[in-house]
Amino acid sequence: MELSYKHLFPRAQEVTYLDTAAEGLPAPGCSEAFQQYCGDKRAGTPGRKALFQAEAEALELAARLLGTDRANVAFLSSASEALYVLSSSLHWSSGDEVIISDTEFPSNIFPWLRLRQYGIRVIVIPADAGVVGWERVAAQISPRTRLVSLSLVSFKTGAYLTGLPALAAEARRAGAMLCVDATQALGRCPVSLEGVDYLISSSFKWLMGPHGLAIVYVSPAGRERLDPASLGWYSVTNAFADDRFERYTLKPGAACLSAGMPNFPSQYALRESLRMVLDVSVDRIFQELGPVVGYLRLGFERLGCDLLTPADAEYASGIVSFAHSSADKIGAALEREGIIVWAGDGRVRASVHLYNDMSDAEHCLAALEPILLSARA
């Protein structure tokens, strides 16, 4: 049975919204959550009990979504910060290697390029027909590999990374860590932590939450290898200990990664969106929207689009994209027809979430056909 949550999202009723991979629509209750925060904040310091309670509940929900203990989860300000924290918290030696792919979002490129000034080698694995095969990545792992950092779903092609447990085992054999950017997967596609040392995800896309937060998972083994480079009063067990001018003790688990006062407003809102995702269930979202994604991809193919998204269903996510030299003009034309997609950097990308249905795919394809013909003229 098709998902039927569009009625809870006013924007999804006003337009055909197919751009969650860039900006998710806020889950019902987010506005009220911000208002609740303001009410608790208005109480001054006595209201802090409610603020920290909201943080604790949001962390617990995030841990449930990931299937891990709350101690392994923390919030940082963004996925970019989370990746930079990782890059700065490992002890590097000249000649060490980092492996990424050529389908990564810039946040998973620049922190590693920065390390080249210290003699770190960055190996970029090219995708083959949109797919980053785990075997090709594993073949590049060497005794000098310190880290493999890949997206679970590519923002560019929409390809889902298969074989992650096998890749994790290869990395572990070489003594390397595995980092996963789950930004384009968490809340939409199955996410497994098997063999993962460090996982990050933005909250404002498929999780339908606010900006200013990223969910960060650190495995217990991974935590042992980190020397957190960003420290503050919130990173330690007792910021006001008598011997604080001499030493400090980090909080256990992932909590030590958070340096200062939390982003409480966003945590209030994320708590609501996580409740909805858990209530609907990611497995249901993934399974029931699969036909819509497949229909879109087949439609793009029939229209002669230069598809970036692989055809095999095992790589399917919530994203379908194609390359086009006039991507920005196509996006603008679709928007005039009431259809919102991502259209930039030489590609058009449609993304499907729980407020979408088959009628959205049909509308997009019907409008796209004459637009493409015009672009070819």
Protein backbone atom coordinates (compact mmCIF):
# COMPACT_ATOMS: atom_id res chain seq x y z
CA MET A 1 0.00 0.00 0.00
CA GLU A 2 1.34 3.42 -0.98
CA LEU A 3 2.47 5.79 1.73
CA SER A 4 -0.07 8.53 2.36
CA TYR A 5 1.59 11.28 4.39
CA LYS A 6 1.31 14.11 1.86
CA HIS A 7 -1.68 15.55 3.70
CA LEU A 8 0.59 16.33 6.67
CA PHE A 9 2.94 18.47 4.58
CA PRO A 10 1.36 21.66 3.20
CA ARG A 11 4.26 22.38 0.83
CA ALA A 12 3.96 18.92 -0.73
CA GLN A 13 0.34 19.76 -1.56
CA GLU A 14 1.20 23.15 -3.06
CA VAL A 15 3.90 21.83 -5.39
CA THR A 16 5.39 18.56 -6.57
CA TYR A 17 8.30 18.54 -4.17
CA LEU A 18 11.12 16.25 -5.33
CA ASP A 19 14.15 17.85 -3.67
CA THR A 20 14.53 16.23 -0.26
CA ALA A 21 18.13 15.33 -1.10
CA ALA A 22 18.83 19.06 -0.88
CA GLU A 23 16.27 20.23 1.66
CA GLY A 24 13.73 18.06 3.43
CA LEU A 25 10.32 19.43 4.31
CA PRO A 26 9.96 19.87 8.09
CA ALA A 27 8.10 17.10 9.88
CA PRO A 28 4.78 17.92 11.50
CA GLY A 29 5.36 19.30 14.97
CA CYS A 30 8.63 21.10 14.20
CA SER A 31 7.07 24.57 14.43
CA GLU A 32 5.43 23.70 17.72
CA ALA A 33 8.73 22.29 18.97
CA PHE A 34 10.46 25.63 18.38
CA GLN A 35 7.66 27.34 20.27
CA GLN A 36 8.03 24.87 23.12
CA TYR A 37 11.74 25.65 23.27
CA CYS A 38 10.98 29.37 23.48
CA GLY A 39 8.58 28.71 26.34
CA ASP A 40 11.17 26.70 28.25
CA LYS A 41 13.88 29.24 27.48
CA ARG A 42 11.63 32.00 28.80
CA ALA A 43 11.86 30.41 32.25
CA GLY A 44 15.57 31.26 32.45
CA THR A 45 17.91 28.89 34.26
CA PRO A 46 15.03 26.90 35.83
CA GLY A 47 14.06 26.02 32.25
CA ARG A 48 17.38 24.32 31.61
CA LYS A 49 16.06 21.07 33.01
CA ALA A 50 13.64 20.87 30.09
CA LEU A 51 16.35 21.89 27.62
CA PHE A 52 18.72 19.11 28.65
CA GLN A 53 15.82 16.65 28.78
CA ALA A 54 15.01 17.46 25.15
CA GLU A 55 18.62 16.82 24.21
CA ALA A 56 18.64 13.49 26.04
CA GLU A 57 15.43 12.37 24.36
CA ALA A 58 16.65 13.41 20.91
CA LEU A 59 19.88 11.47 21.44
CA GLU A 60 17.93 8.42 22.55
CA LEU A 61 15.74 8.59 19.45
CA ALA A 62 18.77 8.98 17.18
CA ALA A 63 20.37 5.96 18.83
CA ARG A 64 17.18 3.94 18.30
CA LEU A 65 17.14 4.88 14.64
CA LEU A 66 20.73 3.71 14.27
CA GLY A 67 20.24 0.63 16.42
CA THR A 68 22.97 1.46 18.92
CA ASP A 69 23.46 2.61 22.51
CA ARG A 70 22.93 6.27 23.25
CA ALA A 71 26.49 6.49 24.57
CA ASN A 72 27.74 6.02 21.00
CA VAL A 73 25.82 9.01 19.61
CA ALA A 74 26.43 12.75 19.79
CA PHE A 75 25.24 15.92 18.08
CA LEU A 76 27.53 18.33 16.27
CA SER A 77 26.60 21.43 14.29
CA SER A 78 26.84 19.91 10.80
CA ALA A 79 28.08 16.95 8.81
CA SER A 80 30.97 19.14 7.65
CA GLU A 81 32.02 19.81 11.22
CA ALA A 82 31.71 16.13 12.09
CA LEU A 83 34.06 15.15 9.27
CA TYR A 84 36.53 17.88 10.16
CA VAL A 85 36.48 16.75 13.80
CA LEU A 86 37.35 13.24 12.65
CA SER A 87 40.17 14.46 10.42
CA SER A 88 41.61 16.53 13.28
CA SER A 89 41.23 13.91 15.99
CA LEU A 90 43.37 11.14 14.51
CA HIS A 91 47.13 10.98 14.89
CA TRP A 92 48.52 11.11 11.35
CA SER A 93 51.97 10.26 10.03
CA SER A 94 53.48 11.30 6.71
CA GLY A 95 52.68 8.62 4.15
CA ASP A 96 49.34 7.65 5.66
CA GLU A 97 46.49 7.18 3.19
CA VAL A 98 42.82 8.17 3.06
CA ILE A 99 40.49 6.57 0.53
CA ILE A 100 37.42 8.38 -0.83
CA SER A 101 35.44 8.21 -4.09
CA ASP A 102 34.78 10.68 -6.87
CA THR A 103 31.06 10.76 -6.02
CA GLU A 104 31.54 12.35 -2.60
CA PHE A 105 29.99 15.62 -1.43
CA PRO A 106 32.67 18.31 -0.88
CA SER A 107 32.40 17.94 2.90
CA ASN A 108 33.97 14.50 2.49
CA ILE A 109 36.76 15.81 0.27
CA PHE A 110 38.21 19.02 1.68
CA PRO A 111 39.17 17.83 5.20
CA TRP A 112 41.28 15.09 3.64
CA LEU A 113 42.86 17.35 1.03
CA ARG A 114 43.91 19.64 3.86
CA LEU A 115 45.96 16.78 5.30
CA ARG A 116 48.14 16.58 2.22
CA GLN A 117 50.28 19.38 3.66
CA TYR A 118 51.30 16.87 6.33
CA GLY A 119 52.25 14.20 3.80
CA ILE A 120 48.92 12.36 3.78
CA ARG A 121 47.99 10.75 0.47
CA VAL A 122 44.36 10.99 -0.68
CA ILE A 123 43.28 8.17 -2.99
CA VAL A 124 40.15 8.87 -5.05
CA ILE A 125 38.30 5.82 -6.39
CA PRO A 126 36.39 6.57 -9.62
CA ALA A 127 32.83 5.31 -9.90
CA ASP A 128 31.98 2.87 -12.68
CA ALA A 129 28.61 3.70 -14.27
CA GLY A 130 27.65 5.53 -11.09
CA VAL A 131 28.68 2.69 -8.78
CA VAL A 132 31.53 2.70 -6.30
CA GLY A 133 32.12 -1.02 -5.97
CA TRP A 134 33.37 -2.07 -2.57
CA GLU A 135 35.81 -4.52 -4.16
CA ARG A 136 37.51 -1.68 -6.07
CA VAL A 137 37.84 0.27 -2.84
CA ALA A 138 39.15 -2.76 -0.94
CA ALA A 139 41.75 -3.34 -3.64
CA GLN A 140 43.29 0.05 -2.82
CA ILE A 141 43.58 -0.62 0.91
CA SER A 142 47.21 -0.99 1.97
CA PRO A 143 49.17 -1.15 5.23
CA ARG A 144 49.40 2.67 5.00
CA THR A 145 45.63 3.15 4.84
CA ARG A 146 44.40 4.91 7.96
CA LEU A 147 40.86 5.70 6.87
CA VAL A 148 38.24 4.82 4.27
CA SER A 149 35.55 7.52 4.09
CA LEU A 150 32.57 6.97 1.78
CA SER A 151 28.95 7.99 1.36
CA LEU A 152 26.37 5.29 1.92
CA VAL A 153 24.29 6.98 -0.79
CA SER A 154 25.94 9.34 -3.25
CA PHE A 155 24.47 12.83 -3.42
CA LYS A 156 25.50 12.89 -7.09
CA THR A 157 24.34 9.56 -8.50
CA GLY A 158 21.97 8.27 -5.83
CA ALA A 159 23.82 4.95 -5.82
CA TYR A 160 23.61 2.95 -2.60
CA LEU A 161 26.96 1.51 -1.45
CA THR A 162 26.59 -2.24 -1.22
CA GLY A 163 29.00 -4.67 0.44
CA LEU A 164 29.75 -2.36 3.35
CA PRO A 165 30.33 -5.13 5.95
CA ALA A 166 32.81 -6.84 3.62
CA LEU A 167 34.60 -3.55 3.00
CA ALA A 168 34.67 -2.88 6.75
CA ALA A 169 36.30 -6.27 7.31
CA GLU A 170 39.01 -5.46 4.75
CA ALA A 171 39.66 -2.09 6.37
CA ARG A 172 39.84 -3.67 9.80
CA ARG A 173 42.37 -6.27 8.59
CA ALA A 174 44.63 -3.42 7.48
CA GLY A 175 44.14 -1.53 10.74
CA ALA A 176 42.15 1.22 8.99
CA MET A 177 39.00 2.94 10.19
CA LEU A 178 35.77 3.14 8.20
CA CYS A 179 33.81 6.38 8.10
CA VAL A 180 30.35 6.52 6.51
CA ASP A 181 28.49 9.65 5.44
CA ALA A 182 24.86 8.60 5.79
CA THR A 183 23.40 12.04 5.04
CA GLN A 184 21.59 10.83 1.91
CA ALA A 185 20.43 7.61 3.55
CA LEU A 186 19.48 8.08 7.20
CA GLY A 187 15.71 8.34 7.50
CA ARG A 188 15.16 6.98 3.99
CA CYS A 189 17.28 3.85 3.39
CA PRO A 190 18.51 1.00 5.57
CA VAL A 191 21.62 1.94 7.54
CA SER A 192 23.77 -0.72 9.17
CA LEU A 193 26.56 0.04 11.64
CA GLU A 194 28.26 -3.32 11.10
CA GLY A 195 31.98 -2.64 10.94
CA VAL A 196 31.50 1.15 10.92
CA ASP A 197 33.80 3.19 13.16
CA TYR A 198 32.38 6.65 12.52
CA LEU A 199 29.10 7.69 10.91
CA ILE A 200 27.67 11.12 10.30
CA SER A 201 24.42 12.49 8.94
CA SER A 202 22.89 15.89 8.42
CA SER A 203 19.45 16.34 9.97
CA PHE A 204 17.74 18.70 7.49
CA LYS A 205 17.30 16.35 4.55
CA TRP A 206 15.69 12.90 4.86
CA LEU A 207 15.30 13.25 8.62
CA MET A 208 13.02 16.26 7.97
CA GLY A 209 14.60 18.19 10.80
CA PRO A 210 16.19 21.61 11.19
CA HIS A 211 19.59 23.00 10.30
CA GLY A 212 22.43 23.30 12.79
CA LEU A 213 22.63 19.64 13.80
CA ALA A 214 24.38 16.50 12.66
CA ILE A 215 24.01 13.04 14.14
CA VAL A 216 27.40 11.44 14.85
CA TYR A 217 27.99 7.79 15.72
CA VAL A 218 31.32 6.58 17.08
CA SER A 219 31.88 2.90 17.77
CA PRO A 220 33.55 2.02 21.08
CA ALA A 221 36.61 0.78 19.18
CA GLY A 222 36.65 3.90 17.04
CA ARG A 223 36.43 6.12 20.08
CA GLU A 224 39.62 4.57 21.44
CA ARG A 225 41.46 5.81 18.36
CA LEU A 226 40.26 9.40 18.59
CA ASP A 227 42.02 12.19 20.42
CA PRO A 228 39.29 14.87 20.19
CA ALA A 229 40.79 18.08 18.85
CA SER A 230 37.84 20.31 19.76
CA LEU A 231 37.32 20.53 23.51
CA GLY A 232 35.16 22.66 25.75
CA TRP A 233 33.33 22.56 29.02
CA TYR A 234 30.71 20.20 27.55
CA SER A 235 33.35 17.65 26.53
CA VAL A 236 34.44 16.76 30.06
CA THR A 237 32.90 15.00 33.02
CA ASN A 238 33.36 17.89 35.43
CA ALA A 239 34.20 21.31 33.98
CA PHE A 240 34.48 22.85 37.46
CA ALA A 241 36.64 20.25 39.17
CA ASP A 242 39.11 21.64 41.70
CA ASP A 243 42.04 20.49 39.55
CA ARG A 244 40.64 21.85 36.26
CA PHE A 245 43.72 24.01 35.69
CA GLU A 246 45.88 20.90 35.73
CA ARG A 247 43.88 18.14 34.00
CA TYR A 248 40.53 17.08 32.60
CA THR A 249 38.61 13.86 32.06
CA LEU A 250 36.69 13.43 28.83
CA LYS A 251 33.13 12.21 28.89
CA PRO A 252 32.87 8.56 27.84
CA GLY A 253 31.66 7.55 24.41
CA ALA A 254 30.72 10.02 21.72
CA ALA A 255 29.70 12.76 24.17
CA CYS A 256 33.27 14.09 24.34
CA LEU A 257 32.93 15.38 20.77
CA SER A 258 30.46 18.09 21.79
CA ALA A 259 32.42 21.10 23.02
CA GLY A 260 29.86 23.69 24.07
CA MET A 261 26.25 24.47 24.87
CA PRO A 262 23.95 22.38 22.63
CA ASN A 263 21.76 23.73 19.86
CA PHE A 264 18.63 23.24 21.91
CA PRO A 265 16.10 24.75 19.45
CA SER A 266 17.14 22.37 16.69
CA GLN A 267 17.18 19.44 19.10
CA TYR A 268 13.58 20.18 20.09
CA ALA A 269 12.57 20.06 16.42
CA LEU A 270 14.71 17.04 15.56
CA ARG A 271 13.09 15.15 18.42
CA GLU A 272 9.75 15.52 16.63
CA SER A 273 11.04 14.51 13.21
CA LEU A 274 12.84 11.46 14.62
CA ARG A 275 9.63 10.37 16.32
CA MET A 276 7.86 10.49 12.98
CA VAL A 277 10.56 8.59 11.09
CA LEU A 278 10.59 5.88 13.76
CA ASP A 279 6.80 5.71 13.83
CA VAL A 280 6.52 5.28 10.06
CA SER A 281 9.70 3.12 9.94
CA VAL A 282 12.55 3.44 7.48
CA ASP A 283 11.98 -0.07 6.17
CA ARG A 284 8.44 0.86 5.17
CA ILE A 285 9.55 4.13 3.57
CA PHE A 286 12.25 2.33 1.61
CA GLN A 287 10.05 -0.52 0.43
CA GLU A 288 6.90 1.38 -0.44
CA LEU A 289 8.62 4.22 -2.27
CA GLY A 290 10.83 1.89 -4.28
CA PRO A 291 8.31 1.66 -7.16
CA VAL A 292 8.07 5.47 -7.37
CA VAL A 293 11.86 5.78 -7.62
CA GLY A 294 11.97 2.99 -10.20
CA TYR A 295 9.23 4.63 -12.24
CA LEU A 296 11.08 7.93 -12.26
CA ARG A 297 14.34 6.35 -13.37
CA LEU A 298 12.65 4.38 -16.14
CA GLY A 299 10.85 7.53 -17.24
CA PHE A 300 14.09 9.51 -17.41
CA GLU A 301 15.65 6.69 -19.41
CA ARG A 302 12.75 6.61 -21.87
CA LEU A 303 13.11 10.36 -22.35
CA GLY A 304 16.71 9.82 -23.42
CA CYS A 305 18.32 11.35 -20.35
CA ASP A 306 22.00 10.74 -19.62
CA LEU A 307 21.41 8.89 -16.39
CA LEU A 308 23.88 9.06 -13.52
CA THR A 309 21.84 6.66 -11.37
CA PRO A 310 22.61 2.97 -11.99
CA ALA A 311 19.80 0.73 -13.22
CA ASP A 312 20.31 -2.23 -10.88
CA ALA A 313 17.77 -2.21 -8.05
CA GLU A 314 20.40 -3.19 -5.47
CA TYR A 315 21.86 0.32 -5.77
CA ALA A 316 18.50 2.12 -5.50
CA SER A 317 17.96 4.83 -2.90
CA GLY A 318 15.61 7.81 -2.84
CA ILE A 319 17.53 9.68 -5.56
CA VAL A 320 17.46 9.58 -9.36
CA SER A 321 19.67 11.96 -11.36
CA PHE A 322 20.82 12.65 -14.88
CA ALA A 323 23.47 14.83 -16.45
CA HIS A 324 22.55 17.74 -18.70
CA SER A 325 24.41 20.81 -19.92
CA SER A 326 21.29 22.94 -19.41
CA ALA A 327 20.42 21.58 -15.97
CA ASP A 328 19.74 25.01 -14.47
CA LYS A 329 17.33 25.93 -17.28
CA ILE A 330 15.54 22.59 -16.95
CA GLY A 331 15.15 23.11 -13.21
CA ALA A 332 13.77 26.61 -13.71
CA ALA A 333 11.30 25.35 -16.32
CA LEU A 334 10.13 22.56 -14.02
CA GLU A 335 9.67 25.03 -11.19
CA ARG A 336 7.41 27.11 -13.41
CA GLU A 337 5.30 23.96 -13.75
CA GLY A 338 5.16 23.61 -9.96
CA ILE A 339 7.84 20.91 -9.73
CA ILE A 340 10.84 21.36 -7.42
CA VAL A 341 14.00 19.35 -8.17
CA TRP A 342 17.70 20.00 -7.76
CA ALA A 343 19.18 21.42 -10.94
CA GLY A 344 22.78 22.56 -10.84
CA ASP A 345 26.40 21.56 -11.41
CA GLY A 346 25.46 19.90 -14.68
CA ARG A 347 22.79 17.54 -13.40
CA VAL A 348 19.11 17.27 -12.58
CA ARG A 349 18.22 15.29 -9.47
CA ALA A 350 14.82 14.15 -8.24
CA SER A 351 14.43 12.72 -4.75
CA VAL A 352 11.44 10.89 -3.31
CA HIS A 353 10.37 10.84 0.33
CA LEU A 354 7.30 9.91 2.38
CA TYR A 355 5.33 12.98 1.26
CA ASN A 356 5.64 11.85 -2.36
CA ASP A 357 3.60 9.36 -4.37
CA MET A 358 3.30 8.07 -7.92
CA SER A 359 1.35 11.13 -9.02
CA ASP A 360 4.43 13.26 -8.31
CA ALA A 361 6.58 11.07 -10.55
CA GLU A 362 3.95 11.19 -13.29
CA HIS A 363 3.68 14.98 -13.07
CA CYS A 364 7.45 15.39 -13.25
CA LEU A 365 7.85 13.14 -16.29
CA ALA A 366 4.92 14.68 -18.16
CA ALA A 367 6.30 18.17 -17.66
CA LEU A 368 9.89 17.14 -18.39
CA GLU A 369 9.29 15.73 -21.87
CA PRO A 370 8.50 19.03 -23.64
CA ILE A 371 11.16 20.82 -21.59
CA LEU A 372 13.83 18.41 -22.81
CA LEU A 373 12.63 18.76 -26.39
CA SER A 374 12.92 22.53 -26.06
CA ALA A 375 16.42 22.21 -24.60
CA ARG A 376 17.53 20.12 -27.58
CA ALA A 377 16.16 22.56 -30.11
